[in-house]
PDB file of all heavy atoms in Angstrom:
ATOM      1  N   LEU A   1     -29.415 262.270 153.212  1.00  0.00           N
ATOM      2  CA  LEU A   1     -30.349 262.071 152.113  1.00  0.00           C
ATOM      3  C   LEU A   1     -31.742 261.701 152.637  1.00  0.00           C
ATOM      4  O   LEU A   1     -32.752 262.187 152.121  1.00  0.00           O
ATOM      5  CB  LEU A   1     -29.822 260.992 151.158  1.00  0.00           C
ATOM      6  CG  LEU A   1     -30.425 260.998 149.759  1.00  0.00           C
ATOM      7  CD1 LEU A   1     -30.165 262.311 149.035  1.00  0.00           C
ATOM      8  CD2 LEU A   1     -29.876 259.828 148.950  1.00  0.00           C
ATOM      9  N   VAL A   2     -31.800 260.871 153.677  1.00  0.00           N
ATOM     10  CA  VAL A   2     -33.083 260.533 154.292  1.00  0.00           C
ATOM     11  C   VAL A   2     -33.718 261.789 154.884  1.00  0.00           C
ATOM     12  O   VAL A   2     -34.925 262.013 154.739  1.00  0.00           O
ATOM     13  CB  VAL A   2     -32.924 259.427 155.363  1.00  0.00           C
ATOM     14  CG1 VAL A   2     -34.177 259.301 156.214  1.00  0.00           C
ATOM     15  CG2 VAL A   2     -32.592 258.100 154.707  1.00  0.00           C
ATOM     16  N   GLU A   3     -32.914 262.629 155.520  1.00  0.00           N
ATOM     17  CA  GLU A   3     -33.443 263.882 156.067  1.00  0.00           C
ATOM     18  C   GLU A   3     -33.997 264.773 154.963  1.00  0.00           C
ATOM     19  O   GLU A   3     -35.030 265.420 155.138  1.00  0.00           O
ATOM     20  CB  GLU A   3     -32.362 264.604 156.870  1.00  0.00           C
ATOM     21  CG  GLU A   3     -32.022 263.909 158.173  1.00  0.00           C
ATOM     22  CD  GLU A   3     -30.782 264.462 158.862  1.00  0.00           C
ATOM     23  OE1 GLU A   3     -30.157 265.431 158.340  1.00  0.00           O
ATOM     24  OE2 GLU A   3     -30.417 263.929 159.938  1.00  0.00           O
ATOM     25  N   ALA A   4     -33.336 264.793 153.809  1.00  0.00           N
ATOM     26  CA  ALA A   4     -33.836 265.571 152.670  1.00  0.00           C
ATOM     27  C   ALA A   4     -35.161 264.999 152.169  1.00  0.00           C
ATOM     28  O   ALA A   4     -36.071 265.753 151.810  1.00  0.00           O
ATOM     29  CB  ALA A   4     -32.795 265.593 151.551  1.00  0.00           C
ATOM     30  N   ALA A   5     -35.288 263.674 152.158  1.00  0.00           N
ATOM     31  CA  ALA A   5     -36.548 263.041 151.760  1.00  0.00           C
ATOM     32  C   ALA A   5     -37.645 263.359 152.763  1.00  0.00           C
ATOM     33  O   ALA A   5     -38.794 263.626 152.386  1.00  0.00           O
ATOM     34  CB  ALA A   5     -36.365 261.524 151.613  1.00  0.00           C
ATOM     35  N   GLN A   6     -37.308 263.343 154.050  1.00  0.00           N
ATOM     36  CA  GLN A   6     -38.288 263.692 155.075  1.00  0.00           C
ATOM     37  C   GLN A   6     -38.752 265.133 154.904  1.00  0.00           C
ATOM     38  O   GLN A   6     -39.943 265.431 155.023  1.00  0.00           O
ATOM     39  CB  GLN A   6     -37.695 263.476 156.466  1.00  0.00           C
ATOM     40  CG  GLN A   6     -37.489 262.024 156.818  1.00  0.00           C
ATOM     41  CD  GLN A   6     -36.682 261.814 158.101  1.00  0.00           C
ATOM     42  OE1 GLN A   6     -35.898 262.666 158.514  1.00  0.00           O
ATOM     43  NE2 GLN A   6     -36.871 260.655 158.714  1.00  0.00           N
ATOM     44  N   GLU A   7     -37.820 266.030 154.624  1.00  0.00           N
ATOM     45  CA  GLU A   7     -38.166 267.436 154.387  1.00  0.00           C
ATOM     46  C   GLU A   7     -39.079 267.565 153.171  1.00  0.00           C
ATOM     47  O   GLU A   7     -40.008 268.374 153.156  1.00  0.00           O
ATOM     48  CB  GLU A   7     -36.899 268.267 154.207  1.00  0.00           C
ATOM     49  CG  GLU A   7     -37.135 269.703 153.803  1.00  0.00           C
ATOM     50  CD  GLU A   7     -37.879 270.540 154.842  1.00  0.00           C
ATOM     51  OE1 GLU A   7     -37.832 270.220 156.040  1.00  0.00           O
ATOM     52  OE2 GLU A   7     -38.522 271.533 154.418  1.00  0.00           O
ATOM     53  N   ALA A   8     -38.831 266.759 152.147  1.00  0.00           N
ATOM     54  CA  ALA A   8     -39.642 266.814 150.924  1.00  0.00           C
ATOM     55  C   ALA A   8     -41.096 266.421 151.191  1.00  0.00           C
ATOM     56  O   ALA A   8     -41.991 266.846 150.447  1.00  0.00           O
ATOM     57  CB  ALA A   8     -39.033 265.921 149.843  1.00  0.00           C
ATOM     58  N   THR A   9     -41.365 265.649 152.248  1.00  0.00           N
ATOM     59  CA  THR A   9     -42.757 265.288 152.556  1.00  0.00           C
ATOM     60  C   THR A   9     -43.587 266.530 152.860  1.00  0.00           C
ATOM     61  O   THR A   9     -44.798 266.524 152.652  1.00  0.00           O
ATOM     62  CB  THR A   9     -42.869 264.304 153.748  1.00  0.00           C
ATOM     63  OG1 THR A   9     -42.468 264.944 154.953  1.00  0.00           O
ATOM     64  CG2 THR A   9     -42.073 263.039 153.506  1.00  0.00           C
ATOM     65  N   THR A  10     -42.961 267.595 153.322  1.00  0.00           N
ATOM     66  CA  THR A  10     -43.702 268.821 153.671  1.00  0.00           C
ATOM     67  C   THR A  10     -44.221 269.532 152.429  1.00  0.00           C
ATOM     68  O   THR A  10     -45.079 270.405 152.536  1.00  0.00           O
ATOM     69  CB  THR A  10     -42.838 269.793 154.499  1.00  0.00           C
ATOM     70  OG1 THR A  10     -41.743 270.265 153.695  1.00  0.00           O
ATOM     71  CG2 THR A  10     -42.309 269.124 155.759  1.00  0.00           C
ATOM     72  N   HIS A  11     -43.726 269.149 151.253  1.00  0.00           N
ATOM     73  CA  HIS A  11     -44.174 269.767 150.004  1.00  0.00           C
ATOM     74  C   HIS A  11     -45.189 268.895 149.270  1.00  0.00           C
ATOM     75  O   HIS A  11     -45.642 269.251 148.172  1.00  0.00           O
ATOM     76  CB  HIS A  11     -42.978 270.047 149.095  1.00  0.00           C
ATOM     77  CG  HIS A  11     -41.961 270.938 149.733  1.00  0.00           C
ATOM     78  ND1 HIS A  11     -42.189 272.272 149.983  1.00  0.00           N
ATOM     79  CD2 HIS A  11     -40.730 270.669 150.215  1.00  0.00           C
ATOM     80  CE1 HIS A  11     -41.130 272.796 150.577  1.00  0.00           C
ATOM     81  NE2 HIS A  11     -40.234 271.834 150.735  1.00  0.00           N
ATOM     82  N   ALA A  12     -45.532 267.765 149.850  1.00  0.00           N
ATOM     83  CA  ALA A  12     -46.495 266.854 149.223  1.00  0.00           C
ATOM     84  C   ALA A  12     -47.890 267.472 149.208  1.00  0.00           C
ATOM     85  O   ALA A  12     -48.257 268.254 150.095  1.00  0.00           O
ATOM     86  CB  ALA A  12     -46.527 265.523 149.971  1.00  0.00           C
ATOM     87  N   HIS A  13     -48.646 267.112 148.196  1.00  0.00           N
ATOM     88  CA  HIS A  13     -50.051 267.523 148.091  1.00  0.00           C
ATOM     89  C   HIS A  13     -50.875 266.235 148.167  1.00  0.00           C
ATOM     90  O   HIS A  13     -51.034 265.525 147.173  1.00  0.00           O
ATOM     91  CB  HIS A  13     -50.287 268.252 146.765  1.00  0.00           C
ATOM     92  CG  HIS A  13     -51.703 268.680 146.571  1.00  0.00           C
ATOM     93  ND1 HIS A  13     -52.285 269.696 147.308  1.00  0.00           N
ATOM     94  CD2 HIS A  13     -52.653 268.229 145.721  1.00  0.00           C
ATOM     95  CE1 HIS A  13     -53.536 269.852 146.927  1.00  0.00           C
ATOM     96  NE2 HIS A  13     -53.788 268.969 145.960  1.00  0.00           N
ATOM     97  N   ALA A  14     -51.330 265.911 149.371  1.00  0.00           N
ATOM     98  CA  ALA A  14     -52.032 264.643 149.592  1.00  0.00           C
ATOM     99  C   ALA A  14     -53.332 264.875 150.362  1.00  0.00           C
ATOM    100  O   ALA A  14     -53.526 264.341 151.454  1.00  0.00           O
ATOM    101  CB  ALA A  14     -51.120 263.674 150.345  1.00  0.00           C
ATOM    102  N   PRO A  15     -54.264 265.666 149.793  1.00  0.00           N
ATOM    103  CA  PRO A  15     -55.496 265.982 150.512  1.00  0.00           C
ATOM    104  C   PRO A  15     -56.468 264.813 150.650  1.00  0.00           C
ATOM    105  O   PRO A  15     -57.405 264.883 151.445  1.00  0.00           O
ATOM    106  CB  PRO A  15     -56.106 267.106 149.670  1.00  0.00           C
ATOM    107  CG  PRO A  15     -55.605 266.842 148.288  1.00  0.00           C
ATOM    108  CD  PRO A  15     -54.213 266.305 148.480  1.00  0.00           C
ATOM    109  N   TYR A  16     -56.261 263.742 149.899  1.00  0.00           N
ATOM    110  CA  TYR A  16     -57.185 262.612 149.918  1.00  0.00           C
ATOM    111  C   TYR A  16     -56.673 261.478 150.787  1.00  0.00           C
ATOM    112  O   TYR A  16     -57.369 260.980 151.665  1.00  0.00           O
ATOM    113  CB  TYR A  16     -57.480 262.147 148.486  1.00  0.00           C
ATOM    114  CG  TYR A  16     -57.878 263.317 147.623  1.00  0.00           C
ATOM    115  CD1 TYR A  16     -57.016 263.817 146.664  1.00  0.00           C
ATOM    116  CD2 TYR A  16     -59.090 263.975 147.826  1.00  0.00           C
ATOM    117  CE1 TYR A  16     -57.356 264.936 145.905  1.00  0.00           C
ATOM    118  CE2 TYR A  16     -59.443 265.096 147.085  1.00  0.00           C
ATOM    119  CZ  TYR A  16     -58.568 265.576 146.127  1.00  0.00           C
ATOM    120  OH  TYR A  16     -58.897 266.679 145.399  1.00  0.00           O
ATOM    121  N   SER A  17     -55.445 261.059 150.566  1.00  0.00           N
ATOM    122  CA  SER A  17     -54.884 259.959 151.350  1.00  0.00           C
ATOM    123  C   SER A  17     -54.277 260.432 152.656  1.00  0.00           C
ATOM    124  O   SER A  17     -54.136 259.651 153.591  1.00  0.00           O
ATOM    125  CB  SER A  17     -53.796 259.227 150.547  1.00  0.00           C
ATOM    126  OG  SER A  17     -52.639 260.051 150.433  1.00  0.00           O
ATOM    127  N   HIS A  18     -53.894 261.700 152.718  1.00  0.00           N
ATOM    128  CA  HIS A  18     -53.187 262.257 153.884  1.00  0.00           C
ATOM    129  C   HIS A  18     -51.892 261.481 154.156  1.00  0.00           C
ATOM    130  O   HIS A  18     -51.438 261.400 155.287  1.00  0.00           O
ATOM    131  CB  HIS A  18     -54.081 262.294 155.130  1.00  0.00           C
ATOM    132  CG  HIS A  18     -55.360 263.015 154.881  1.00  0.00           C
ATOM    133  ND1 HIS A  18     -55.433 264.383 154.745  1.00  0.00           N
ATOM    134  CD2 HIS A  18     -56.623 262.546 154.702  1.00  0.00           C
ATOM    135  CE1 HIS A  18     -56.693 264.730 154.507  1.00  0.00           C
ATOM    136  NE2 HIS A  18     -57.433 263.637 154.471  1.00  0.00           N
ATOM    137  N   PHE A  19     -51.323 260.915 153.097  1.00  0.00           N
ATOM    138  CA  PHE A  19     -50.070 260.166 153.189  1.00  0.00           C
ATOM    139  C   PHE A  19     -49.052 260.904 152.338  1.00  0.00           C
ATOM    140  O   PHE A  19     -49.033 260.781 151.111  1.00  0.00           O
ATOM    141  CB  PHE A  19     -50.267 258.724 152.698  1.00  0.00           C
ATOM    142  CG  PHE A  19     -49.096 257.815 152.972  1.00  0.00           C
ATOM    143  CD1 PHE A  19     -48.777 257.437 154.270  1.00  0.00           C
ATOM    144  CD2 PHE A  19     -48.324 257.331 151.925  1.00  0.00           C
ATOM    145  CE1 PHE A  19     -47.696 256.588 154.523  1.00  0.00           C
ATOM    146  CE2 PHE A  19     -47.250 256.489 152.160  1.00  0.00           C
ATOM    147  CZ  PHE A  19     -46.938 256.124 153.462  1.00  0.00           C
ATOM    148  N   GLN A  20     -48.236 261.700 152.992  1.00  0.00           N
ATOM    149  CA  GLN A  20     -47.260 262.527 152.303  1.00  0.00           C
ATOM    150  C   GLN A  20     -45.960 261.752 152.137  1.00  0.00           C
ATOM    151  O   GLN A  20     -45.422 261.240 153.104  1.00  0.00           O
ATOM    152  CB  GLN A  20     -47.005 263.797 153.102  1.00  0.00           C
ATOM    153  CG  GLN A  20     -48.259 264.626 153.294  1.00  0.00           C
ATOM    154  CD  GLN A  20     -48.092 265.689 154.341  1.00  0.00           C
ATOM    155  OE1 GLN A  20     -47.688 265.395 155.458  1.00  0.00           O
ATOM    156  NE2 GLN A  20     -48.389 266.913 153.976  1.00  0.00           N
ATOM    157  N   VAL A  21     -45.484 261.688 150.896  1.00  0.00           N
ATOM    158  CA  VAL A  21     -44.252 260.972 150.599  1.00  0.00           C
ATOM    159  C   VAL A  21     -43.249 261.943 149.999  1.00  0.00           C
ATOM    160  O   VAL A  21     -43.606 262.801 149.196  1.00  0.00           O
ATOM    161  CB  VAL A  21     -44.510 259.792 149.629  1.00  0.00           C
ATOM    162  CG1 VAL A  21     -43.209 259.051 149.314  1.00  0.00           C
ATOM    163  CG2 VAL A  21     -45.533 258.835 150.220  1.00  0.00           C
ATOM    164  N   GLY A  22     -42.010 261.793 150.427  1.00  0.00           N
ATOM    165  CA  GLY A  22     -40.918 262.599 149.892  1.00  0.00           C
ATOM    166  C   GLY A  22     -39.812 261.697 149.399  1.00  0.00           C
ATOM    167  O   GLY A  22     -39.611 260.593 149.912  1.00  0.00           O
ATOM    168  N   ALA A  23     -39.099 262.166 148.398  1.00  0.00           N
ATOM    169  CA  ALA A  23     -37.955 261.433 147.858  1.00  0.00           C
ATOM    170  C   ALA A  23     -36.817 262.416 147.648  1.00  0.00           C
ATOM    171  O   ALA A  23     -37.048 263.596 147.360  1.00  0.00           O
ATOM    172  CB  ALA A  23     -38.328 260.757 146.539  1.00  0.00           C
ATOM    173  N   ALA A  24     -35.614 261.920 147.813  1.00  0.00           N
ATOM    174  CA  ALA A  24     -34.422 262.722 147.549  1.00  0.00           C
ATOM    175  C   ALA A  24     -33.412 261.836 146.849  1.00  0.00           C
ATOM    176  O   ALA A  24     -33.267 260.662 147.187  1.00  0.00           O
ATOM    177  CB  ALA A  24     -33.850 263.276 148.850  1.00  0.00           C
ATOM    178  N   ALA A  25     -32.729 262.398 145.867  1.00  0.00           N
ATOM    179  CA  ALA A  25     -31.738 261.639 145.100  1.00  0.00           C
ATOM    180  C   ALA A  25     -30.409 262.374 145.106  1.00  0.00           C
ATOM    181  O   ALA A  25     -30.372 263.593 144.955  1.00  0.00           O
ATOM    182  CB  ALA A  25     -32.209 261.440 143.669  1.00  0.00           C
ATOM    183  N   ARG A  26     -29.352 261.585 145.273  1.00  0.00           N
ATOM    184  CA  ARG A  26     -28.006 262.135 145.140  1.00  0.00           C
ATOM    185  C   ARG A  26     -27.469 261.717 143.783  1.00  0.00           C
ATOM    186  O   ARG A  26     -27.398 260.527 143.468  1.00  0.00           O
ATOM    187  CB  ARG A  26     -27.073 261.647 146.233  1.00  0.00           C
ATOM    188  CG  ARG A  26     -25.641 262.200 146.069  1.00  0.00           C
ATOM    189  CD  ARG A  26     -24.665 261.751 147.135  1.00  0.00           C
ATOM    190  NE  ARG A  26     -25.128 262.109 148.472  1.00  0.00           N
ATOM    191  CZ  ARG A  26     -25.728 261.270 149.322  1.00  0.00           C
ATOM    192  NH1 ARG A  26     -25.907 260.009 148.999  1.00  0.00           N
ATOM    193  NH2 ARG A  26     -26.114 261.670 150.501  1.00  0.00           N
ATOM    194  N   LEU A  27     -27.108 262.712 142.983  1.00  0.00           N
ATOM    195  CA  LEU A  27     -26.543 262.456 141.676  1.00  0.00           C
ATOM    196  C   LEU A  27     -25.042 262.248 141.792  1.00  0.00           C
ATOM    197  O   LEU A  27     -24.429 262.612 142.808  1.00  0.00           O
ATOM    198  CB  LEU A  27     -26.841 263.617 140.728  1.00  0.00           C
ATOM    199  CG  LEU A  27     -28.305 264.056 140.615  1.00  0.00           C
ATOM    200  CD1 LEU A  27     -28.449 265.176 139.600  1.00  0.00           C
ATOM    201  CD2 LEU A  27     -29.220 262.896 140.288  1.00  0.00           C
ATOM    202  N   ARG A  28     -24.442 261.687 140.776  1.00  0.00           N
ATOM    203  CA  ARG A  28     -23.005 261.440 140.788  1.00  0.00           C
ATOM    204  C   ARG A  28     -22.217 262.727 141.058  1.00  0.00           C
ATOM    205  O   ARG A  28     -21.185 262.714 141.720  1.00  0.00           O
ATOM    206  CB  ARG A  28     -22.561 260.819 139.465  1.00  0.00           C
ATOM    207  CG  ARG A  28     -21.063 260.473 139.462  1.00  0.00           C
ATOM    208  CD  ARG A  28     -20.657 259.696 138.234  1.00  0.00           C
ATOM    209  NE  ARG A  28     -21.276 258.373 138.276  1.00  0.00           N
ATOM    210  CZ  ARG A  28     -21.517 257.630 137.209  1.00  0.00           C
ATOM    211  NH1 ARG A  28     -21.200 258.072 136.005  1.00  0.00           N
ATOM    212  NH2 ARG A  28     -22.066 256.442 137.330  1.00  0.00           N
ATOM    213  N   SER A  29     -22.720 263.854 140.591  1.00  0.00           N
ATOM    214  CA  SER A  29     -22.054 265.144 140.795  1.00  0.00           C
ATOM    215  C   SER A  29     -22.129 265.620 142.241  1.00  0.00           C
ATOM    216  O   SER A  29     -21.463 266.576 142.610  1.00  0.00           O
ATOM    217  CB  SER A  29     -22.694 266.206 139.900  1.00  0.00           C
ATOM    218  OG  SER A  29     -24.036 266.451 140.320  1.00  0.00           O
ATOM    219  N   GLY A  30     -22.976 264.961 143.042  1.00  0.00           N
ATOM    220  CA  GLY A  30     -23.184 265.391 144.419  1.00  0.00           C
ATOM    221  C   GLY A  30     -24.443 266.216 144.595  1.00  0.00           C
ATOM    222  O   GLY A  30     -24.880 266.463 145.720  1.00  0.00           O
ATOM    223  N   ARG A  31     -25.037 266.658 143.500  1.00  0.00           N
ATOM    224  CA  ARG A  31     -26.278 267.441 143.557  1.00  0.00           C
ATOM    225  C   ARG A  31     -27.381 266.601 144.203  1.00  0.00           C
ATOM    226  O   ARG A  31     -27.488 265.407 143.943  1.00  0.00           O
ATOM    227  CB  ARG A  31     -26.690 267.864 142.152  1.00  0.00           C
ATOM    228  CG  ARG A  31     -27.963 268.712 142.107  1.00  0.00           C
ATOM    229  CD  ARG A  31     -28.406 268.986 140.687  1.00  0.00           C
ATOM    230  NE  ARG A  31     -27.369 269.585 139.872  1.00  0.00           N
ATOM    231  CZ  ARG A  31     -27.205 270.895 139.708  1.00  0.00           C
ATOM    232  NH1 ARG A  31     -28.013 271.745 140.305  1.00  0.00           N
ATOM    233  NH2 ARG A  31     -26.241 271.341 138.927  1.00  0.00           N
ATOM    234  N   ILE A  32     -28.211 267.241 145.037  1.00  0.00           N
ATOM    235  CA  ILE A  32     -29.351 266.579 145.666  1.00  0.00           C
ATOM    236  C   ILE A  32     -30.624 267.138 145.048  1.00  0.00           C
ATOM    237  O   ILE A  32     -30.822 268.356 145.004  1.00  0.00           O
ATOM    238  CB  ILE A  32     -29.382 266.823 147.197  1.00  0.00           C
ATOM    239  CG1 ILE A  32     -28.073 266.392 147.861  1.00  0.00           C
ATOM    240  CG2 ILE A  32     -30.593 266.132 147.830  1.00  0.00           C
ATOM    241  CD1 ILE A  32     -27.809 264.925 147.854  1.00  0.00           C
ATOM    242  N   LEU A  33     -31.497 266.247 144.574  1.00  0.00           N
ATOM    243  CA  LEU A  33     -32.793 266.629 144.021  1.00  0.00           C
ATOM    244  C   LEU A  33     -33.889 266.122 144.949  1.00  0.00           C
ATOM    245  O   LEU A  33     -33.706 265.126 145.649  1.00  0.00           O
ATOM    246  CB  LEU A  33     -32.986 266.028 142.631  1.00  0.00           C
ATOM    247  CG  LEU A  33     -31.934 266.365 141.571  1.00  0.00           C
ATOM    248  CD1 LEU A  33     -32.270 265.654 140.263  1.00  0.00           C
ATOM    249  CD2 LEU A  33     -31.819 267.864 141.369  1.00  0.00           C
ATOM    250  N   HIS A  34     -35.050 266.790 144.926  1.00  0.00           N
ATOM    251  CA  HIS A  34     -36.173 266.439 145.803  1.00  0.00           C
ATOM    252  C   HIS A  34     -37.439 266.237 144.985  1.00  0.00           C
ATOM    253  O   HIS A  34     -37.600 266.855 143.932  1.00  0.00           O
ATOM    254  CB  HIS A  34     -36.436 267.558 146.812  1.00  0.00           C
ATOM    255  CG  HIS A  34     -35.225 267.971 147.567  1.00  0.00           C
ATOM    256  ND1 HIS A  34     -34.377 268.930 147.108  1.00  0.00           N
ATOM    257  CD2 HIS A  34     -34.726 267.535 148.728  1.00  0.00           C
ATOM    258  CE1 HIS A  34     -33.387 269.082 147.970  1.00  0.00           C
ATOM    259  NE2 HIS A  34     -33.570 268.239 148.954  1.00  0.00           N
ATOM    260  N   GLY A  35     -38.335 265.429 145.509  1.00  0.00           N
ATOM    261  CA  GLY A  35     -39.642 265.239 144.898  1.00  0.00           C
ATOM    262  C   GLY A  35     -40.644 264.856 145.963  1.00  0.00           C
ATOM    263  O   GLY A  35     -40.276 264.376 147.038  1.00  0.00           O
ATOM    264  N   SER A  36     -41.913 265.092 145.684  1.00  0.00           N
ATOM    265  CA  SER A  36     -42.970 264.704 146.625  1.00  0.00           C
ATOM    266  C   SER A  36     -44.189 264.251 145.832  1.00  0.00           C
ATOM    267  O   SER A  36     -44.310 264.533 144.643  1.00  0.00           O
ATOM    268  CB  SER A  36     -43.325 265.872 147.552  1.00  0.00           C
ATOM    269  OG  SER A  36     -43.693 267.009 146.803  1.00  0.00           O
ATOM    270  N   ASN A  37     -45.080 263.545 146.512  1.00  0.00           N
ATOM    271  CA  ASN A  37     -46.268 263.052 145.821  1.00  0.00           C
ATOM    272  C   ASN A  37     -47.278 264.181 145.621  1.00  0.00           C
ATOM    273  O   ASN A  37     -47.278 265.183 146.345  1.00  0.00           O
ATOM    274  CB  ASN A  37     -46.891 261.844 146.536  1.00  0.00           C
ATOM    275  CG  ASN A  37     -47.365 262.117 147.943  1.00  0.00           C
ATOM    276  OD1 ASN A  37     -46.753 262.873 148.697  1.00  0.00           O
ATOM    277  ND2 ASN A  37     -48.461 261.486 148.335  1.00  0.00           N
ATOM    278  N   PHE A  38     -48.117 263.991 144.610  1.00  0.00           N
ATOM    279  CA  PHE A  38     -49.134 264.972 144.272  1.00  0.00           C
ATOM    280  C   PHE A  38     -50.395 264.230 143.880  1.00  0.00           C
ATOM    281  O   PHE A  38     -50.390 263.469 142.908  1.00  0.00           O
ATOM    282  CB  PHE A  38     -48.668 265.862 143.104  1.00  0.00           C
ATOM    283  CG  PHE A  38     -49.598 267.008 142.833  1.00  0.00           C
ATOM    284  CD1 PHE A  38     -49.353 268.241 143.399  1.00  0.00           C
ATOM    285  CD2 PHE A  38     -50.715 266.830 142.032  1.00  0.00           C
ATOM    286  CE1 PHE A  38     -50.222 269.305 143.159  1.00  0.00           C
ATOM    287  CE2 PHE A  38     -51.588 267.882 141.799  1.00  0.00           C
ATOM    288  CZ  PHE A  38     -51.335 269.121 142.353  1.00  0.00           C
TER     289      PHE A  38
END
């Protein structure tokens, strides 16, 4: 899950702070979702 969050940082849009953040969540079903900052 941490690796998925790290991968999600590559999709961040952070042209001002240059601080890319990624998040990944494991749902009860086992599905993994991703998000990044914008």
